[in-house]
Amino acid sequence: MRLLARPAYRWGLTVAAVSLLLRLGLWLSYAPASYGDTPSYMRLATALKEVGLSGYDATRVPGYPAFVAMLGRDPDGIWIAQMMLGWAISMLLFVFAWQTAGSPAFGALVGLLYTLIPGPVLFEANLLSETLTTFFLVLSLALLVGVDRAASRRRTYAFALAMGVSASFAALVRPLFFLLSVWLLIFVWFGPKGQSLRLAVSYSLAPLLLLGAWLTWMYTTYDMLAPTTMGGYHLVQHTGEYFEFLPDEVAPLRDTYLEYRDAQIAERGTQTNAIWDAIPEMSKVSGLSFFALSAELQRLSVRLILQHPNLYLANVAQGWVDFWKAPVFWDRAAVRPEWVGGLFAAWVSVGRLITLIANAAFLAGSVLVVVSRRMRGRLGLDRYILVTGGLVWIASVVQTLVDHGDNPRFLIPLQTFVFYVVACWMWQWRKTIRSG
């Protein structure tokens, strides 16, 4: 009981209990859901389990397939594991926000936002990589606090090493977060205790070894210095809009893709993801393997981008806007009993509205704190707002430069950092008003 007399323990227990009870409720009323990417994760998990990297086609980085393989490819087992990760994310967010703001009540607010907003918590039931990615992102940021505040040099270096491992794992689950290791390095090097080359080296060991080993394997196996073998196909999501501008020397590839593109536009009104249906026929007419075709499409796409930068940038801008749309990925048919589906739908609608408001506040607040010293004083722009908010901004730009497909999904692992930054600003604004 003495422990409960301390606010930090009371708020922490509240976050733990609410997070656990809500997930128990989901377990009793919901079910795991598959999406278009799920079969490829399952296939790669089987390859890793049965033959290892020797049978791995590197269409995806190996982190999530390895996670699925360890859980035996069982949908219920994967969902349970992802709910456990979700509970851990809520608790890590509580500790992170409590330590950075100095208030356990604020920590509880941020931790509960992850659980009570439907977008992140319902995604835990999806057999996709976002929850695992979120876990390593949040863990990395929590470890940064440990680096900043460790009482001894030994602990500081241990936290830095662990953060490097966590950041590397985030990249090996989602290739977008190869940028995370570089971004965090800046904040390790320039810490509150001053510059520290040794600390930066300690942090960098894991990214250099783990990510370097993966890129080396990719280069020696597929002659590609890239996280996956899919780069060319992703770029066609941009350049497919104007693929007809390719010259006649590549007419077989060009015309085959245009056939599939135009058919999909007639059916769905968009060319997005037409490349996935076109790949077999494009390989056939070109005589190129799956991997060689990706490399060739990357070469042709770069050529089109350089020749038509205005068309490319228009797609980039649209992808950036889509990034912030905050859809909730859930399956109403999986809700049981049926009448509960109405409650879920209402929860989803309210949660998405809150998320869209938070995204708009994040974008507006980011502009204000950059251009106005007065607003920086009112809202605050400390080290932790900068590392989280900056990561969201960098990812929002990078994701749309390299792909133009399911852009709204790229925000899912980062949505909690948007909530954190906006909550920090609201908390600081409240304190400013109270102080007069």
Protein backbone atom coordinates (compact mmCIF):
# COMPACT_ATOMS: atom_id res chain seq x y z
CA MET A 1 0.00 0.00 0.00
CA ARG A 2 2.92 2.33 0.58
CA LEU A 3 3.83 1.98 -3.07
CA LEU A 4 0.31 3.00 -4.13
CA ALA A 5 0.68 6.15 -2.08
CA ARG A 6 3.22 7.35 -4.63
CA PRO A 7 1.64 8.98 -7.74
CA ALA A 8 4.04 7.27 -10.16
CA TYR A 9 2.98 3.81 -8.99
CA ARG A 10 -0.73 4.69 -9.01
CA TRP A 11 -0.59 6.06 -12.53
CA GLY A 12 1.60 3.19 -13.75
CA LEU A 13 -0.78 0.62 -12.30
CA THR A 14 -3.69 2.43 -13.98
CA VAL A 15 -2.01 2.24 -17.38
CA ALA A 16 -1.10 -1.41 -16.86
CA ALA A 17 -4.61 -2.40 -15.75
CA VAL A 18 -6.53 -0.49 -18.43
CA SER A 19 -4.19 -1.72 -21.16
CA LEU A 20 -4.57 -5.31 -20.01
CA LEU A 21 -8.35 -5.19 -19.61
CA LEU A 22 -8.95 -3.59 -22.99
CA ARG A 23 -6.85 -6.24 -24.73
CA LEU A 24 -8.67 -8.96 -22.85
CA GLY A 25 -11.92 -7.48 -24.12
CA LEU A 26 -10.58 -7.49 -27.67
CA TRP A 27 -9.53 -11.14 -27.30
CA LEU A 28 -13.11 -12.04 -26.34
CA SER A 29 -14.80 -10.00 -29.09
CA TYR A 30 -12.41 -9.80 -32.05
CA ALA A 31 -10.15 -12.01 -34.18
CA PRO A 32 -6.83 -11.71 -36.06
CA ALA A 33 -7.13 -10.23 -39.55
CA SER A 34 -5.12 -10.91 -42.72
CA TYR A 35 -4.32 -8.32 -45.38
CA GLY A 36 -2.71 -8.37 -48.81
CA ASP A 37 0.81 -8.43 -47.39
CA THR A 38 0.12 -11.21 -44.88
CA PRO A 39 0.67 -14.18 -47.26
CA SER A 40 4.13 -12.91 -48.22
CA TYR A 41 5.14 -12.67 -44.55
CA MET A 42 3.88 -16.21 -43.99
CA ARG A 43 5.73 -17.49 -47.05
CA LEU A 44 8.97 -15.86 -45.96
CA ALA A 45 8.52 -17.15 -42.41
CA THR A 46 8.26 -20.67 -43.82
CA ALA A 47 11.40 -20.14 -45.90
CA LEU A 48 13.36 -18.92 -42.88
CA LYS A 49 12.17 -21.81 -40.73
CA GLU A 50 12.80 -24.54 -43.29
CA VAL A 51 15.93 -23.48 -45.17
CA GLY A 52 17.15 -20.25 -43.57
CA LEU A 53 18.61 -17.39 -45.58
CA SER A 54 19.63 -19.75 -48.38
CA GLY A 55 15.99 -19.80 -49.49
CA TYR A 56 15.15 -16.22 -48.62
CA ASP A 57 14.20 -14.01 -51.58
CA ALA A 58 14.61 -10.72 -49.63
CA THR A 59 11.37 -9.23 -50.92
CA ARG A 60 11.08 -8.04 -47.33
CA VAL A 61 13.58 -7.43 -44.56
CA PRO A 62 13.77 -10.50 -42.29
CA GLY A 63 12.57 -9.11 -38.94
CA TYR A 64 8.84 -9.75 -39.11
CA PRO A 65 9.11 -13.08 -40.99
CA ALA A 66 11.51 -14.27 -38.26
CA PHE A 67 9.01 -13.14 -35.61
CA VAL A 68 6.20 -15.02 -37.38
CA ALA A 69 8.40 -18.11 -37.79
CA MET A 70 9.19 -18.18 -34.06
CA LEU A 71 5.45 -18.13 -33.32
CA GLY A 72 4.77 -21.04 -35.65
CA ARG A 73 2.78 -19.01 -38.21
CA ASP A 74 -0.28 -19.33 -35.94
CA PRO A 75 -2.61 -16.31 -36.33
CA ASP A 76 -3.89 -16.48 -32.75
CA GLY A 77 -0.36 -16.87 -31.40
CA ILE A 78 0.83 -13.89 -33.44
CA TRP A 79 -2.07 -11.79 -32.20
CA ILE A 80 -1.40 -12.70 -28.56
CA ALA A 81 2.28 -11.84 -29.00
CA GLN A 82 1.39 -8.52 -30.63
CA MET A 83 -1.03 -7.68 -27.83
CA MET A 84 1.75 -8.39 -25.34
CA LEU A 85 3.97 -6.04 -27.34
CA GLY A 86 1.15 -3.48 -27.34
CA TRP A 87 0.87 -3.69 -23.55
CA ALA A 88 4.66 -3.22 -23.31
CA ILE A 89 4.44 -0.23 -25.68
CA SER A 90 1.86 1.42 -23.42
CA MET A 91 4.09 0.92 -20.38
CA LEU A 92 7.22 2.14 -22.19
CA LEU A 93 5.32 5.23 -23.32
CA PHE A 94 4.21 5.84 -19.75
CA VAL A 95 7.80 5.71 -18.50
CA PHE A 96 9.16 7.74 -21.43
CA ALA A 97 6.59 10.53 -21.14
CA TRP A 98 6.77 10.55 -17.33
CA GLN A 99 10.54 10.93 -17.37
CA THR A 100 10.67 13.54 -20.13
CA ALA A 101 7.88 15.72 -18.72
CA GLY A 102 8.49 15.02 -15.04
CA SER A 103 4.87 14.07 -14.45
CA PRO A 104 3.51 10.52 -14.00
CA ALA A 105 0.02 11.85 -14.83
CA PHE A 106 1.32 13.03 -18.19
CA GLY A 107 3.02 9.67 -18.69
CA ALA A 108 -0.29 7.92 -18.04
CA LEU A 109 -2.02 10.18 -20.57
CA VAL A 110 0.43 9.25 -23.33
CA GLY A 111 0.46 5.55 -22.41
CA LEU A 112 -3.34 5.37 -22.42
CA LEU A 113 -3.64 7.22 -25.72
CA TYR A 114 -1.86 4.32 -27.40
CA THR A 115 -4.35 1.86 -25.90
CA LEU A 116 -7.60 3.84 -26.13
CA ILE A 117 -7.23 5.25 -29.65
CA PRO A 118 -8.44 2.41 -31.94
CA GLY A 119 -5.91 2.83 -34.75
CA PRO A 120 -2.85 1.47 -32.90
CA VAL A 121 -4.54 -1.06 -30.62
CA LEU A 122 -6.73 -2.63 -33.32
CA PHE A 123 -3.68 -2.96 -35.55
CA GLU A 124 -2.30 -5.47 -33.06
CA ALA A 125 -4.82 -7.98 -34.46
CA ASN A 126 -3.52 -7.48 -38.01
CA LEU A 127 -0.96 -10.01 -39.21
CA LEU A 128 1.37 -7.23 -40.32
CA SER A 129 4.64 -5.72 -39.10
CA GLU A 130 3.48 -2.38 -37.68
CA THR A 131 3.09 -3.39 -34.02
CA LEU A 132 6.54 -5.00 -33.87
CA THR A 133 7.99 -1.91 -35.54
CA THR A 134 6.26 0.39 -33.04
CA PHE A 135 7.67 -1.62 -30.15
CA PHE A 136 11.27 -1.20 -31.30
CA LEU A 137 10.75 2.51 -32.08
CA VAL A 138 9.31 3.23 -28.63
CA LEU A 139 11.93 1.04 -26.94
CA SER A 140 14.68 2.97 -28.73
CA LEU A 141 13.33 6.30 -27.49
CA ALA A 142 12.91 4.98 -23.94
CA LEU A 143 16.52 3.81 -24.02
CA LEU A 144 17.60 7.30 -25.14
CA VAL A 145 16.21 8.60 -21.84
CA GLY A 146 18.34 5.96 -20.12
CA VAL A 147 21.41 7.16 -22.00
CA ASP A 148 20.71 10.75 -20.97
CA ARG A 149 20.04 10.04 -17.30
CA ALA A 150 22.06 6.98 -16.31
CA ALA A 151 23.85 7.49 -13.00
CA SER A 152 27.10 5.80 -14.05
CA ARG A 153 29.25 5.69 -17.15
CA ARG A 154 28.88 1.92 -17.38
CA ARG A 155 25.09 2.17 -17.44
CA THR A 156 25.23 4.98 -19.98
CA TYR A 157 27.23 2.83 -22.39
CA ALA A 158 24.96 -0.17 -21.75
CA PHE A 159 21.88 1.89 -22.59
CA ALA A 160 23.56 3.22 -25.74
CA LEU A 161 24.49 -0.28 -26.89
CA ALA A 162 20.95 -1.54 -26.23
CA MET A 163 19.49 1.43 -28.11
CA GLY A 164 21.65 0.61 -31.12
CA VAL A 165 20.33 -2.96 -31.08
CA SER A 166 16.71 -1.78 -30.80
CA ALA A 167 17.10 0.77 -33.61
CA SER A 168 18.67 -1.92 -35.81
CA PHE A 169 15.79 -4.30 -35.13
CA ALA A 170 13.31 -1.56 -36.11
CA ALA A 171 15.08 -1.27 -39.47
CA LEU A 172 15.11 -5.05 -39.95
CA VAL A 173 11.35 -5.09 -39.42
CA ARG A 174 10.53 -2.09 -41.64
CA PRO A 175 13.19 -0.80 -44.08
CA LEU A 176 11.90 2.78 -43.79
CA PHE A 177 13.57 2.88 -40.39
CA PHE A 178 17.09 2.43 -41.64
CA LEU A 179 16.97 6.20 -41.16
CA LEU A 180 16.34 5.76 -37.43
CA SER A 181 19.90 4.69 -36.59
CA VAL A 182 21.35 7.81 -38.20
CA TRP A 183 18.78 10.12 -36.62
CA LEU A 184 19.33 8.78 -33.11
CA LEU A 185 23.10 8.96 -33.52
CA ILE A 186 22.84 12.77 -33.57
CA PHE A 187 21.10 12.77 -30.18
CA VAL A 188 23.55 10.29 -28.69
CA TRP A 189 26.57 12.26 -29.85
CA PHE A 190 25.17 15.61 -28.75
CA GLY A 191 23.67 14.64 -25.40
CA PRO A 192 22.82 16.72 -22.32
CA LYS A 193 26.25 15.90 -20.90
CA GLY A 194 28.03 17.27 -23.97
CA GLN A 195 29.59 15.65 -27.01
CA SER A 196 30.73 12.05 -26.59
CA LEU A 197 32.48 10.24 -29.42
CA ARG A 198 32.90 7.09 -27.32
CA LEU A 199 29.20 6.98 -26.54
CA ALA A 200 28.38 7.43 -30.22
CA VAL A 201 30.72 4.56 -31.09
CA SER A 202 29.09 2.35 -28.46
CA TYR A 203 25.66 3.10 -29.90
CA SER A 204 26.83 2.59 -33.50
CA LEU A 205 28.25 -0.89 -32.99
CA ALA A 206 24.94 -2.70 -33.44
CA PRO A 207 23.74 -0.76 -36.52
CA LEU A 208 27.12 -1.18 -38.19
CA LEU A 209 27.19 -4.91 -37.49
CA LEU A 210 23.53 -5.86 -37.93
CA LEU A 211 22.48 -3.52 -40.72
CA GLY A 212 25.90 -3.72 -42.35
CA ALA A 213 25.72 -7.52 -42.35
CA TRP A 214 22.26 -7.46 -43.92
CA LEU A 215 23.27 -5.00 -46.66
CA THR A 216 26.42 -7.00 -47.33
CA TRP A 217 24.37 -10.18 -47.68
CA MET A 218 21.98 -8.38 -50.04
CA TYR A 219 24.86 -7.16 -52.20
CA THR A 220 26.66 -10.49 -52.37
CA THR A 221 23.46 -12.47 -52.96
CA TYR A 222 21.42 -10.20 -55.24
CA ASP A 223 23.93 -7.56 -56.34
CA MET A 224 21.72 -4.89 -54.75
CA LEU A 225 22.90 -2.43 -52.11
CA ALA A 226 19.42 -2.03 -50.68
CA PRO A 227 17.33 -3.38 -47.78
CA THR A 228 15.08 -5.45 -50.10
CA THR A 229 14.88 -6.63 -53.69
CA MET A 230 11.69 -4.60 -54.30
CA GLY A 231 13.07 -1.12 -54.93
CA GLY A 232 12.26 -1.07 -58.64
CA TYR A 233 8.70 -2.21 -58.13
CA HIS A 234 8.11 0.43 -55.47
CA LEU A 235 9.38 3.20 -57.75
CA VAL A 236 6.97 2.09 -60.47
CA GLN A 237 4.21 3.04 -58.04
CA HIS A 238 5.36 6.58 -58.88
CA THR A 239 6.52 6.32 -62.48
CA GLY A 240 3.75 4.01 -63.65
CA GLU A 241 1.60 7.13 -63.93
CA TYR A 242 3.69 8.21 -66.91
CA PHE A 243 5.25 4.95 -68.09
CA GLU A 244 4.20 5.72 -71.68
CA PHE A 245 7.07 8.24 -71.85
CA LEU A 246 9.62 5.42 -71.97
CA PRO A 247 11.29 4.99 -75.39
CA ASP A 248 10.54 2.24 -77.91
CA GLU A 249 13.75 0.41 -77.02
CA VAL A 250 11.94 -0.92 -73.94
CA ALA A 251 8.56 -1.27 -75.65
CA PRO A 252 7.86 -4.84 -74.43
CA LEU A 253 8.14 -3.78 -70.78
CA ARG A 254 6.46 -0.44 -71.32
CA ASP A 255 3.48 -1.73 -73.26
CA THR A 256 2.91 -4.71 -70.99
CA TYR A 257 2.76 -2.49 -67.93
CA LEU A 258 0.50 0.02 -69.67
CA GLU A 259 -1.94 -2.78 -70.47
CA TYR A 260 -2.21 -3.77 -66.82
CA ARG A 261 -2.20 -0.17 -65.63
CA ASP A 262 -5.02 0.93 -67.92
CA ALA A 263 -7.10 -2.11 -67.05
CA GLN A 264 -6.79 -1.35 -63.34
CA ILE A 265 -7.57 2.34 -63.84
CA ALA A 266 -10.73 1.33 -65.72
CA GLU A 267 -11.72 -1.00 -62.88
CA ARG A 268 -10.60 0.92 -59.76
CA GLY A 269 -9.80 4.44 -60.91
CA THR A 270 -6.12 4.25 -59.88
CA GLN A 271 -2.92 2.65 -61.10
CA THR A 272 -1.65 2.05 -57.55
CA ASN A 273 -0.46 -1.56 -57.06
CA ALA A 274 -1.01 -2.50 -60.72
CA ILE A 275 2.66 -3.53 -60.83
CA TRP A 276 2.03 -6.59 -58.65
CA ASP A 277 -0.34 -8.12 -61.23
CA ALA A 278 1.94 -7.14 -64.12
CA ILE A 279 5.17 -8.71 -62.83
CA PRO A 280 4.73 -12.26 -64.27
CA GLU A 281 3.94 -11.02 -67.78
CA MET A 282 6.69 -8.37 -67.67
CA SER A 283 9.20 -11.05 -66.69
CA LYS A 284 7.98 -13.23 -69.55
CA VAL A 285 8.22 -10.58 -72.28
CA SER A 286 11.59 -9.28 -71.06
CA GLY A 287 13.23 -12.58 -70.19
CA LEU A 288 14.33 -11.07 -66.88
CA SER A 289 14.15 -12.82 -63.53
CA PHE A 290 12.11 -11.31 -60.71
CA PHE A 291 15.22 -9.70 -59.25
CA ALA A 292 16.68 -8.54 -62.55
CA LEU A 293 13.31 -7.05 -63.48
CA SER A 294 13.26 -5.05 -60.24
CA ALA A 295 16.73 -3.69 -61.02
CA GLU A 296 15.71 -2.80 -64.57
CA LEU A 297 12.53 -1.07 -63.44
CA GLN A 298 14.54 0.90 -60.92
CA ARG A 299 16.88 2.06 -63.70
CA LEU A 300 13.97 3.01 -65.97
CA SER A 301 12.10 4.74 -63.13
CA VAL A 302 15.10 6.87 -62.19
CA ARG A 303 15.36 7.84 -65.84
CA LEU A 304 11.70 8.87 -65.95
CA ILE A 305 12.01 10.81 -62.68
CA LEU A 306 14.97 12.78 -64.00
CA GLN A 307 13.18 13.49 -67.27
CA HIS A 308 9.83 14.39 -65.68
CA PRO A 309 10.54 15.75 -62.19
CA ASN A 310 7.29 17.72 -62.12
CA LEU A 311 5.19 14.57 -62.52
CA TYR A 312 7.23 12.75 -59.90
CA LEU A 313 6.98 15.60 -57.39
CA ALA A 314 3.21 15.80 -57.90
CA ASN A 315 2.99 12.13 -56.86
CA VAL A 316 5.36 12.75 -53.96
CA ALA A 317 3.14 15.56 -52.70
CA GLN A 318 0.03 13.39 -52.95
CA GLY A 319 1.74 10.55 -51.09
CA TRP A 320 2.81 12.95 -48.36
CA VAL A 321 -0.79 14.14 -47.91
CA ASP A 322 -2.05 10.54 -47.84
CA PHE A 323 0.46 9.76 -45.07
CA TRP A 324 -1.58 11.87 -42.62
CA LYS A 325 -5.06 10.49 -43.39
CA ALA A 326 -5.06 8.10 -40.41
CA PRO A 327 -7.32 5.27 -41.59
CA VAL A 328 -8.18 2.58 -39.03
CA PHE A 329 -7.36 -0.90 -40.31
CA TRP A 330 -9.94 -3.24 -38.83
CA ASP A 331 -12.35 -5.97 -39.91
CA ARG A 332 -15.98 -5.54 -38.81
CA ALA A 333 -16.76 -9.10 -39.89
CA ALA A 334 -14.32 -10.35 -37.25
CA VAL A 335 -16.27 -8.74 -34.37
CA ARG A 336 -18.40 -11.07 -32.27
CA PRO A 337 -21.22 -10.92 -31.31
CA GLU A 338 -22.53 -8.96 -34.26
CA TRP A 339 -24.17 -6.19 -32.22
CA VAL A 340 -20.77 -5.26 -30.77
CA GLY A 341 -19.73 -4.24 -34.30
CA GLY A 342 -21.75 -1.04 -33.90
CA LEU A 343 -19.80 -0.14 -30.78
CA PHE A 344 -16.55 -0.83 -32.59
CA ALA A 345 -17.65 1.34 -35.52
CA ALA A 346 -18.47 4.25 -33.21
CA TRP A 347 -15.15 3.83 -31.39
CA VAL A 348 -13.32 3.79 -34.72
CA SER A 349 -15.09 6.92 -35.97
CA VAL A 350 -14.39 8.93 -32.80
CA GLY A 351 -10.81 7.65 -32.61
CA ARG A 352 -10.08 8.53 -36.21
CA LEU A 353 -11.48 12.03 -35.71
CA ILE A 354 -9.21 12.52 -32.68
CA THR A 355 -6.25 11.20 -34.65
CA LEU A 356 -6.91 13.53 -37.59
CA ILE A 357 -7.15 16.49 -35.20
CA ALA A 358 -3.87 15.42 -33.57
CA ASN A 359 -2.18 15.13 -36.97
CA ALA A 360 -3.38 18.59 -37.98
CA ALA A 361 -2.22 20.02 -34.64
CA PHE A 362 1.16 18.35 -35.09
CA LEU A 363 1.65 19.87 -38.54
CA ALA A 364 0.46 23.33 -37.51
CA GLY A 365 2.42 23.28 -34.26
CA SER A 366 5.58 22.18 -36.05
CA VAL A 367 5.38 25.20 -38.34
CA LEU A 368 4.64 27.55 -35.45
CA VAL A 369 7.54 26.47 -33.24
CA VAL A 370 9.94 26.79 -36.18
CA VAL A 371 8.89 30.26 -37.32
CA SER A 372 7.89 31.89 -34.01
CA ARG A 373 10.09 32.30 -30.96
CA ARG A 374 7.02 33.26 -28.94
CA MET A 375 5.28 30.00 -29.83
CA ARG A 376 8.41 28.02 -28.98
CA GLY A 377 8.18 29.55 -25.54
CA ARG A 378 4.51 28.69 -25.19
CA LEU A 379 4.58 25.19 -26.69
CA GLY A 380 8.11 24.08 -25.95
CA LEU A 381 10.71 22.45 -28.17
CA ASP A 382 12.94 20.29 -26.04
CA ARG A 383 15.26 17.44 -26.93
CA TYR A 384 12.55 14.77 -26.80
CA ILE A 385 10.00 16.70 -28.83
CA LEU A 386 12.73 17.24 -31.40
CA VAL A 387 13.79 13.59 -31.61
CA THR A 388 10.22 12.25 -31.86
CA GLY A 389 8.72 15.01 -33.99
CA GLY A 390 11.77 15.14 -36.23
CA LEU A 391 11.57 11.39 -36.82
CA VAL A 392 7.93 11.71 -37.89
CA TRP A 393 8.75 14.54 -40.29
CA ILE A 394 11.75 12.75 -41.84
CA ALA A 395 9.79 9.53 -42.28
CA SER A 396 6.86 11.41 -43.83
CA VAL A 397 9.16 12.70 -46.56
CA VAL A 398 11.30 9.60 -47.13
CA GLN A 399 8.35 7.21 -47.40
CA THR A 400 6.73 9.17 -50.21
CA LEU A 401 9.98 9.62 -52.14
CA VAL A 402 10.46 5.86 -52.58
CA ASP A 403 6.90 4.51 -52.77
CA HIS A 404 3.40 5.57 -53.78
CA GLY A 405 1.19 2.76 -52.57
CA ASP A 406 -0.21 2.31 -49.09
CA ASN A 407 1.21 5.59 -47.77
CA PRO A 408 -1.24 5.95 -44.84
CA ARG A 409 0.12 2.72 -43.33
CA PHE A 410 3.58 4.23 -42.98
CA LEU A 411 2.36 6.52 -40.20
CA ILE A 412 0.96 3.69 -38.05
CA PRO A 413 4.23 2.95 -36.16
CA LEU A 414 4.84 6.68 -35.70
CA GLN A 415 1.34 7.77 -34.75
CA THR A 416 2.11 7.46 -31.06
CA PHE A 417 4.92 10.02 -31.43
CA VAL A 418 2.46 12.45 -33.01
CA PHE A 419 0.23 12.01 -29.94
CA TYR A 420 3.24 12.49 -27.66
CA VAL A 421 4.35 15.75 -29.28
CA VAL A 422 0.84 17.22 -29.35
CA ALA A 423 0.25 16.15 -25.73
CA CYS A 424 3.54 17.80 -24.74
CA TRP A 425 2.47 21.05 -26.36
CA MET A 426 -0.94 20.96 -24.68
CA TRP A 427 0.66 20.18 -21.32
CA GLN A 428 3.15 23.02 -21.71
CA TRP A 429 0.45 25.45 -22.87
CA ARG A 430 -1.60 24.55 -19.79
CA LYS A 431 1.37 25.22 -17.54
CA THR A 432 2.05 28.53 -19.26
CA ILE A 433 -1.55 29.69 -18.76
CA ARG A 434 -1.53 28.62 -15.09
CA SER A 435 1.71 30.50 -14.44
CA GLY A 436 0.08 33.65 -15.80
